[in-house]
Amino acid sequence: MSEEKNTGAIADPGPLGLAGFAMTTFILSMINAKLVPASIHATFLTLALFYGGIAQILAGMWEFKKNNTFGATAFTSYGAFWLALASIILFEELNLINFGPDRNIAIGLFLVAWTIFTFYMWIGSLKVNNALVFVFTTLLITYILLDLAEFKIIASSAPGGLMGLVCAAGAWYTSAAGIINTTYGRAVLPVGPRNIKSAAVKVPTMNLKKKVKA
């Protein structure tokens, strides 16, 4: 007798995308909050390029496969955000671009654009689950605080960095829920679903179906 596993479905890419976002946000926020020296920013660059960037975009592509518009848009967009931000910093260091005295305006405008995007993604998250509402609420506040810092309305990026750490913790929790709940086949870490049909990070059940051929 031979066994053939059901390969029609794909695994949930949500935990991967959230983990990539959480880790990259954590490192950058530690720098923005001035809890570590800014000289370690190379750690952020590598994470932003590979885990927060490429891995998150891949998660977004798999969300398209799962017919999840919210998850696909979120992961692909924020993956591109990390790649774009890392590229700006890298190109500056290589002297390929130079904003001069207007750097804060350039970065501020970049962040404001992402704040607008995050605002309507936050509205969308209100129909997904409570864990994602927390992630997008804290992310929106983080962007606003960083906007204010870049345009020198507030004196420091530290408030945005501290809120970014809270956001990273929420994203890690939501990622962990997707992993642990799948492994145990039950809701060990609750996410508070609001609309299960459209959820980007669901409380999944394990699919053990197999086709058996004689």
C-alpha atoms as a PDB file:
ATOM      1  CA  MET A   1       0.000   0.000   0.000  1.00  0.00           C
ATOM      2  CA  SER A   2       1.147   3.546  -0.675  1.00  0.00           C
ATOM      3  CA  GLU A   3       0.203   6.745   1.114  1.00  0.00           C
ATOM      4  CA  GLU A   4      -0.211  10.145  -0.499  1.00  0.00           C
ATOM      5  CA  LYS A   5      -0.553  13.264   1.661  1.00  0.00           C
ATOM      6  CA  ASN A   6      -3.071  15.943   0.756  1.00  0.00           C
ATOM      7  CA  THR A   7      -0.854  18.659  -0.750  1.00  0.00           C
ATOM      8  CA  GLY A   8      -3.650  20.849  -2.122  1.00  0.00           C
ATOM      9  CA  ALA A   9      -3.492  23.293   0.794  1.00  0.00           C
ATOM     10  CA  ILE A  10      -0.554  25.441   1.891  1.00  0.00           C
ATOM     11  CA  ALA A  11       0.573  26.283   5.413  1.00  0.00           C
ATOM     12  CA  ASP A  12      -0.484  29.555   7.022  1.00  0.00           C
ATOM     13  CA  PRO A  13       2.167  32.175   6.090  1.00  0.00           C
ATOM     14  CA  GLY A  14       0.896  34.604   8.747  1.00  0.00           C
ATOM     15  CA  PRO A  15       3.242  33.561  11.584  1.00  0.00           C
ATOM     16  CA  LEU A  16       6.272  33.926   9.287  1.00  0.00           C
ATOM     17  CA  GLY A  17       5.298  37.385   8.114  1.00  0.00           C
ATOM     18  CA  LEU A  18       4.525  38.568  11.635  1.00  0.00           C
ATOM     19  CA  ALA A  19       7.795  37.177  12.990  1.00  0.00           C
ATOM     20  CA  GLY A  20       9.810  38.953  10.304  1.00  0.00           C
ATOM     21  CA  PHE A  21       7.982  42.192  11.025  1.00  0.00           C
ATOM     22  CA  ALA A  22       8.334  41.814  14.808  1.00  0.00           C
ATOM     23  CA  MET A  23      12.062  41.106  14.861  1.00  0.00           C
ATOM     24  CA  THR A  24      12.969  43.924  12.486  1.00  0.00           C
ATOM     25  CA  THR A  25      10.707  46.367  14.323  1.00  0.00           C
ATOM     26  CA  PHE A  26      12.269  45.322  17.624  1.00  0.00           C
ATOM     27  CA  ILE A  27      15.840  46.047  16.510  1.00  0.00           C
ATOM     28  CA  LEU A  28      15.014  49.388  14.862  1.00  0.00           C
ATOM     29  CA  SER A  29      12.899  50.440  17.837  1.00  0.00           C
ATOM     30  CA  MET A  30      15.715  49.653  20.254  1.00  0.00           C
ATOM     31  CA  ILE A  31      17.841  52.080  18.254  1.00  0.00           C
ATOM     32  CA  ASN A  32      15.092  54.713  17.973  1.00  0.00           C
ATOM     33  CA  ALA A  33      14.412  54.469  21.700  1.00  0.00           C
ATOM     34  CA  LYS A  34      18.133  55.063  22.291  1.00  0.00           C
ATOM     35  CA  LEU A  35      18.417  51.914  24.395  1.00  0.00           C
ATOM     36  CA  VAL A  36      21.391  50.732  22.304  1.00  0.00           C
ATOM     37  CA  PRO A  37      24.084  52.638  20.369  1.00  0.00           C
ATOM     38  CA  ALA A  38      23.070  53.830  16.906  1.00  0.00           C
ATOM     39  CA  SER A  39      26.345  52.368  15.603  1.00  0.00           C
ATOM     40  CA  ILE A  40      24.804  48.864  15.626  1.00  0.00           C
ATOM     41  CA  HIS A  41      22.409  49.797  12.828  1.00  0.00           C
ATOM     42  CA  ALA A  42      24.038  47.201  10.558  1.00  0.00           C
ATOM     43  CA  THR A  43      22.074  44.588  12.511  1.00  0.00           C
ATOM     44  CA  PHE A  44      18.882  46.357  11.494  1.00  0.00           C
ATOM     45  CA  LEU A  45      19.979  46.585   7.855  1.00  0.00           C
ATOM     46  CA  THR A  46      20.572  42.855   7.464  1.00  0.00           C
ATOM     47  CA  LEU A  47      17.275  41.977   9.142  1.00  0.00           C
ATOM     48  CA  ALA A  48      15.386  44.556   7.080  1.00  0.00           C
ATOM     49  CA  LEU A  49      16.814  43.178   3.852  1.00  0.00           C
ATOM     50  CA  PHE A  50      16.268  39.485   4.499  1.00  0.00           C
ATOM     51  CA  TYR A  51      13.817  38.672   7.307  1.00  0.00           C
ATOM     52  CA  GLY A  52      11.655  41.770   7.507  1.00  0.00           C
ATOM     53  CA  GLY A  53      11.973  42.339   3.764  1.00  0.00           C
ATOM     54  CA  ILE A  54      12.309  39.246   1.584  1.00  0.00           C
ATOM     55  CA  ALA A  55      10.725  36.753   4.002  1.00  0.00           C
ATOM     56  CA  GLN A  56       7.765  39.043   4.641  1.00  0.00           C
ATOM     57  CA  ILE A  57       7.181  39.615   0.923  1.00  0.00           C
ATOM     58  CA  LEU A  58       7.212  35.850   0.395  1.00  0.00           C
ATOM     59  CA  ALA A  59       4.617  35.528   3.154  1.00  0.00           C
ATOM     60  CA  GLY A  60       2.529  38.110   1.314  1.00  0.00           C
ATOM     61  CA  MET A  61       2.722  36.110  -1.916  1.00  0.00           C
ATOM     62  CA  TRP A  62       1.519  33.003  -0.105  1.00  0.00           C
ATOM     63  CA  GLU A  63      -1.354  35.014   1.370  1.00  0.00           C
ATOM     64  CA  PHE A  64      -2.402  35.786  -2.211  1.00  0.00           C
ATOM     65  CA  LYS A  65      -2.426  32.026  -2.798  1.00  0.00           C
ATOM     66  CA  LYS A  66      -4.709  31.636   0.221  1.00  0.00           C
ATOM     67  CA  ASN A  67      -7.063  34.301  -1.194  1.00  0.00           C
ATOM     68  CA  ASN A  68      -6.415  36.605   1.782  1.00  0.00           C
ATOM     69  CA  THR A  69      -6.363  40.180   0.496  1.00  0.00           C
ATOM     70  CA  PHE A  70      -5.659  41.750   3.898  1.00  0.00           C
ATOM     71  CA  GLY A  71      -2.716  39.494   4.728  1.00  0.00           C
ATOM     72  CA  ALA A  72      -1.277  39.684   1.210  1.00  0.00           C
ATOM     73  CA  THR A  73      -1.412  43.473   1.141  1.00  0.00           C
ATOM     74  CA  ALA A  74      -0.025  43.856   4.663  1.00  0.00           C
ATOM     75  CA  PHE A  75       2.921  41.463   4.418  1.00  0.00           C
ATOM     76  CA  THR A  76       3.937  42.426   0.876  1.00  0.00           C
ATOM     77  CA  SER A  77       3.724  46.142   1.655  1.00  0.00           C
ATOM     78  CA  TYR A  78       5.583  46.089   4.961  1.00  0.00           C
ATOM     79  CA  GLY A  79       8.185  43.771   3.478  1.00  0.00           C
ATOM     80  CA  ALA A  80       8.706  46.386   0.769  1.00  0.00           C
ATOM     81  CA  PHE A  81       8.813  49.075   3.472  1.00  0.00           C
ATOM     82  CA  TRP A  82      11.764  47.399   5.179  1.00  0.00           C
ATOM     83  CA  LEU A  83      13.576  46.911   1.881  1.00  0.00           C
ATOM     84  CA  ALA A  84      13.005  50.558   0.960  1.00  0.00           C
ATOM     85  CA  LEU A  85      14.106  51.914   4.347  1.00  0.00           C
ATOM     86  CA  ALA A  86      17.212  49.712   4.426  1.00  0.00           C
ATOM     87  CA  SER A  87      18.048  50.789   0.871  1.00  0.00           C
ATOM     88  CA  ILE A  88      17.816  54.472   1.791  1.00  0.00           C
ATOM     89  CA  ILE A  89      20.261  54.002   4.656  1.00  0.00           C
ATOM     90  CA  LEU A  90      22.577  51.795   2.614  1.00  0.00           C
ATOM     91  CA  PHE A  91      22.590  54.142  -0.393  1.00  0.00           C
ATOM     92  CA  GLU A  92      23.387  57.058   1.900  1.00  0.00           C
ATOM     93  CA  GLU A  93      26.357  55.211   3.335  1.00  0.00           C
ATOM     94  CA  LEU A  94      27.563  54.402  -0.185  1.00  0.00           C
ATOM     95  CA  ASN A  95      27.127  58.079  -1.158  1.00  0.00           C
ATOM     96  CA  LEU A  96      24.666  57.133  -3.887  1.00  0.00           C
ATOM     97  CA  ILE A  97      22.071  59.540  -2.488  1.00  0.00           C
ATOM     98  CA  ASN A  98      22.503  62.636  -0.364  1.00  0.00           C
ATOM     99  CA  PHE A  99      19.533  64.521   1.086  1.00  0.00           C
ATOM    100  CA  GLY A 100      21.769  67.101   2.722  1.00  0.00           C
ATOM    101  CA  PRO A 101      20.036  69.396   5.233  1.00  0.00           C
ATOM    102  CA  ASP A 102      16.626  68.190   3.993  1.00  0.00           C
ATOM    103  CA  ARG A 103      17.116  64.599   5.159  1.00  0.00           C
ATOM    104  CA  ASN A 104      14.542  64.919   7.928  1.00  0.00           C
ATOM    105  CA  ILE A 105      11.976  66.134   5.371  1.00  0.00           C
ATOM    106  CA  ALA A 106      12.736  63.242   3.022  1.00  0.00           C
ATOM    107  CA  ILE A 107      12.485  60.602   5.759  1.00  0.00           C
ATOM    108  CA  GLY A 108       9.520  62.379   7.334  1.00  0.00           C
ATOM    109  CA  LEU A 109       7.589  62.395   4.052  1.00  0.00           C
ATOM    110  CA  PHE A 110       8.456  58.717   3.561  1.00  0.00           C
ATOM    111  CA  LEU A 111       7.075  57.908   7.015  1.00  0.00           C
ATOM    112  CA  VAL A 112       3.944  60.041   6.563  1.00  0.00           C
ATOM    113  CA  ALA A 113       3.088  58.084   3.407  1.00  0.00           C
ATOM    114  CA  TRP A 114       3.387  54.842   5.361  1.00  0.00           C
ATOM    115  CA  THR A 115       1.300  56.339   8.163  1.00  0.00           C
ATOM    116  CA  ILE A 116      -1.541  56.894   5.693  1.00  0.00           C
ATOM    117  CA  PHE A 117      -1.275  53.309   4.478  1.00  0.00           C
ATOM    118  CA  THR A 118      -1.169  51.994   8.039  1.00  0.00           C
ATOM    119  CA  PHE A 119      -4.260  54.020   8.952  1.00  0.00           C
ATOM    120  CA  TYR A 120      -6.532  52.236   6.501  1.00  0.00           C
ATOM    121  CA  MET A 121      -4.915  48.884   7.256  1.00  0.00           C
ATOM    122  CA  TRP A 122      -5.728  49.596  10.907  1.00  0.00           C
ATOM    123  CA  ILE A 123      -9.378  50.110   9.909  1.00  0.00           C
ATOM    124  CA  GLY A 124      -9.281  46.760   8.110  1.00  0.00           C
ATOM    125  CA  SER A 125      -7.766  45.045  11.149  1.00  0.00           C
ATOM    126  CA  LEU A 126     -10.873  45.928  13.170  1.00  0.00           C
ATOM    127  CA  LYS A 127     -12.682  43.098  11.357  1.00  0.00           C
ATOM    128  CA  VAL A 128      -9.905  40.512  11.773  1.00  0.00           C
ATOM    129  CA  ASN A 129      -8.943  39.788  15.391  1.00  0.00           C
ATOM    130  CA  ASN A 130      -8.013  41.603  18.585  1.00  0.00           C
ATOM    131  CA  ALA A 131      -4.349  40.640  18.383  1.00  0.00           C
ATOM    132  CA  LEU A 132      -3.983  42.308  14.993  1.00  0.00           C
ATOM    133  CA  VAL A 133      -5.970  45.323  16.170  1.00  0.00           C
ATOM    134  CA  PHE A 134      -3.347  45.732  18.897  1.00  0.00           C
ATOM    135  CA  VAL A 135      -0.485  45.373  16.391  1.00  0.00           C
ATOM    136  CA  PHE A 136      -1.898  47.911  13.952  1.00  0.00           C
ATOM    137  CA  THR A 137      -2.972  50.360  16.653  1.00  0.00           C
ATOM    138  CA  THR A 138       0.485  50.460  18.199  1.00  0.00           C
ATOM    139  CA  LEU A 139       2.091  50.548  14.736  1.00  0.00           C
ATOM    140  CA  LEU A 140      -0.027  53.541  13.743  1.00  0.00           C
ATOM    141  CA  ILE A 141       0.938  55.367  16.935  1.00  0.00           C
ATOM    142  CA  THR A 142       4.591  54.474  16.314  1.00  0.00           C
ATOM    143  CA  TYR A 143       4.490  55.997  12.835  1.00  0.00           C
ATOM    144  CA  ILE A 144       2.801  59.162  14.092  1.00  0.00           C
ATOM    145  CA  LEU A 145       5.410  59.637  16.820  1.00  0.00           C
ATOM    146  CA  LEU A 146       8.248  59.069  14.350  1.00  0.00           C
ATOM    147  CA  ASP A 147       6.627  61.534  11.932  1.00  0.00           C
ATOM    148  CA  LEU A 148       6.555  64.152  14.661  1.00  0.00           C
ATOM    149  CA  ALA A 149      10.199  63.472  15.523  1.00  0.00           C
ATOM    150  CA  GLU A 150      11.393  63.768  11.908  1.00  0.00           C
ATOM    151  CA  PHE A 151       9.595  67.079  11.447  1.00  0.00           C
ATOM    152  CA  LYS A 152      11.014  68.269  14.793  1.00  0.00           C
ATOM    153  CA  ILE A 153       7.598  68.735  16.370  1.00  0.00           C
ATOM    154  CA  ILE A 154       8.821  66.578  19.236  1.00  0.00           C
ATOM    155  CA  ALA A 155      12.440  66.500  20.332  1.00  0.00           C
ATOM    156  CA  SER A 156      13.316  62.827  20.042  1.00  0.00           C
ATOM    157  CA  SER A 157      12.569  59.534  18.283  1.00  0.00           C
ATOM    158  CA  ALA A 158      12.562  57.804  21.689  1.00  0.00           C
ATOM    159  CA  PRO A 159       8.742  57.864  22.176  1.00  0.00           C
ATOM    160  CA  GLY A 160       8.290  56.287  18.744  1.00  0.00           C
ATOM    161  CA  GLY A 161      10.968  53.736  19.558  1.00  0.00           C
ATOM    162  CA  LEU A 162       9.294  52.751  22.817  1.00  0.00           C
ATOM    163  CA  MET A 163       5.916  52.375  21.115  1.00  0.00           C
ATOM    164  CA  GLY A 164       7.621  50.350  18.399  1.00  0.00           C
ATOM    165  CA  LEU A 165       8.823  47.907  21.056  1.00  0.00           C
ATOM    166  CA  VAL A 166       5.234  47.479  22.221  1.00  0.00           C
ATOM    167  CA  CYS A 167       4.169  46.878  18.623  1.00  0.00           C
ATOM    168  CA  ALA A 168       6.942  44.298  18.125  1.00  0.00           C
ATOM    169  CA  ALA A 169       5.812  42.451  21.257  1.00  0.00           C
ATOM    170  CA  GLY A 170       2.254  42.318  19.916  1.00  0.00           C
ATOM    171  CA  ALA A 171       3.406  41.038  16.526  1.00  0.00           C
ATOM    172  CA  TRP A 172       5.554  38.351  18.182  1.00  0.00           C
ATOM    173  CA  TYR A 173       2.600  37.265  20.316  1.00  0.00           C
ATOM    174  CA  THR A 174       0.349  36.997  17.270  1.00  0.00           C
ATOM    175  CA  SER A 175       3.011  35.045  15.391  1.00  0.00           C
ATOM    176  CA  ALA A 176       3.497  32.726  18.364  1.00  0.00           C
ATOM    177  CA  ALA A 177      -0.264  32.159  18.499  1.00  0.00           C
ATOM    178  CA  GLY A 178      -0.259  31.015  14.889  1.00  0.00           C
ATOM    179  CA  ILE A 179       2.574  28.559  15.570  1.00  0.00           C
ATOM    180  CA  ILE A 180       1.587  27.225  18.985  1.00  0.00           C
ATOM    181  CA  ASN A 181      -2.144  26.988  18.298  1.00  0.00           C
ATOM    182  CA  THR A 182      -1.449  25.026  15.127  1.00  0.00           C
ATOM    183  CA  THR A 183       0.974  22.680  16.870  1.00  0.00           C
ATOM    184  CA  TYR A 184      -1.361  21.960  19.777  1.00  0.00           C
ATOM    185  CA  GLY A 185      -4.540  21.982  17.709  1.00  0.00           C
ATOM    186  CA  ARG A 186      -6.292  24.377  20.086  1.00  0.00           C
ATOM    187  CA  ALA A 187      -6.253  28.037  21.142  1.00  0.00           C
ATOM    188  CA  VAL A 188      -3.369  28.073  23.643  1.00  0.00           C
ATOM    189  CA  LEU A 189      -2.741  31.763  22.905  1.00  0.00           C
ATOM    190  CA  PRO A 190      -6.055  33.485  22.160  1.00  0.00           C
ATOM    191  CA  VAL A 191      -6.169  36.152  19.449  1.00  0.00           C
ATOM    192  CA  GLY A 192      -9.807  37.175  19.862  1.00  0.00           C
ATOM    193  CA  PRO A 193     -11.214  36.584  16.364  1.00  0.00           C
ATOM    194  CA  ARG A 194     -13.703  39.185  15.147  1.00  0.00           C
ATOM    195  CA  ASN A 195     -14.400  37.885  11.651  1.00  0.00           C
ATOM    196  CA  ILE A 196     -12.879  34.421  11.176  1.00  0.00           C
ATOM    197  CA  LYS A 197     -13.616  34.275   7.451  1.00  0.00           C
ATOM    198  CA  SER A 198     -11.359  37.230   6.663  1.00  0.00           C
ATOM    199  CA  ALA A 199      -8.742  36.710   9.391  1.00  0.00           C
ATOM    200  CA  ALA A 200      -5.123  37.086   8.330  1.00  0.00           C
ATOM    201  CA  VAL A 201      -3.917  35.182  11.396  1.00  0.00           C
ATOM    202  CA  LYS A 202      -6.459  32.525  12.294  1.00  0.00           C
ATOM    203  CA  VAL A 203      -6.620  30.007  15.109  1.00  0.00           C
ATOM    204  CA  PRO A 204      -5.948  27.055  12.838  1.00  0.00           C
ATOM    205  CA  THR A 205      -6.743  23.401  13.249  1.00  0.00           C
ATOM    206  CA  MET A 206      -4.436  20.623  12.184  1.00  0.00           C
ATOM    207  CA  ASN A 207      -5.287  18.896   8.924  1.00  0.00           C
ATOM    208  CA  LEU A 208      -4.402  15.236   9.211  1.00  0.00           C
ATOM    209  CA  LYS A 209      -6.404  13.990   6.226  1.00  0.00           C
ATOM    210  CA  LYS A 210      -4.632  11.532   3.971  1.00  0.00           C
ATOM    211  CA  LYS A 211      -5.604   9.721   0.808  1.00  0.00           C
ATOM    212  CA  VAL A 212      -4.849   6.020   0.939  1.00  0.00           C
ATOM    213  CA  LYS A 213      -4.321   4.092  -2.244  1.00  0.00           C
ATOM    214  CA  ALA A 214      -4.260   0.346  -2.464  1.00  0.00           C
END
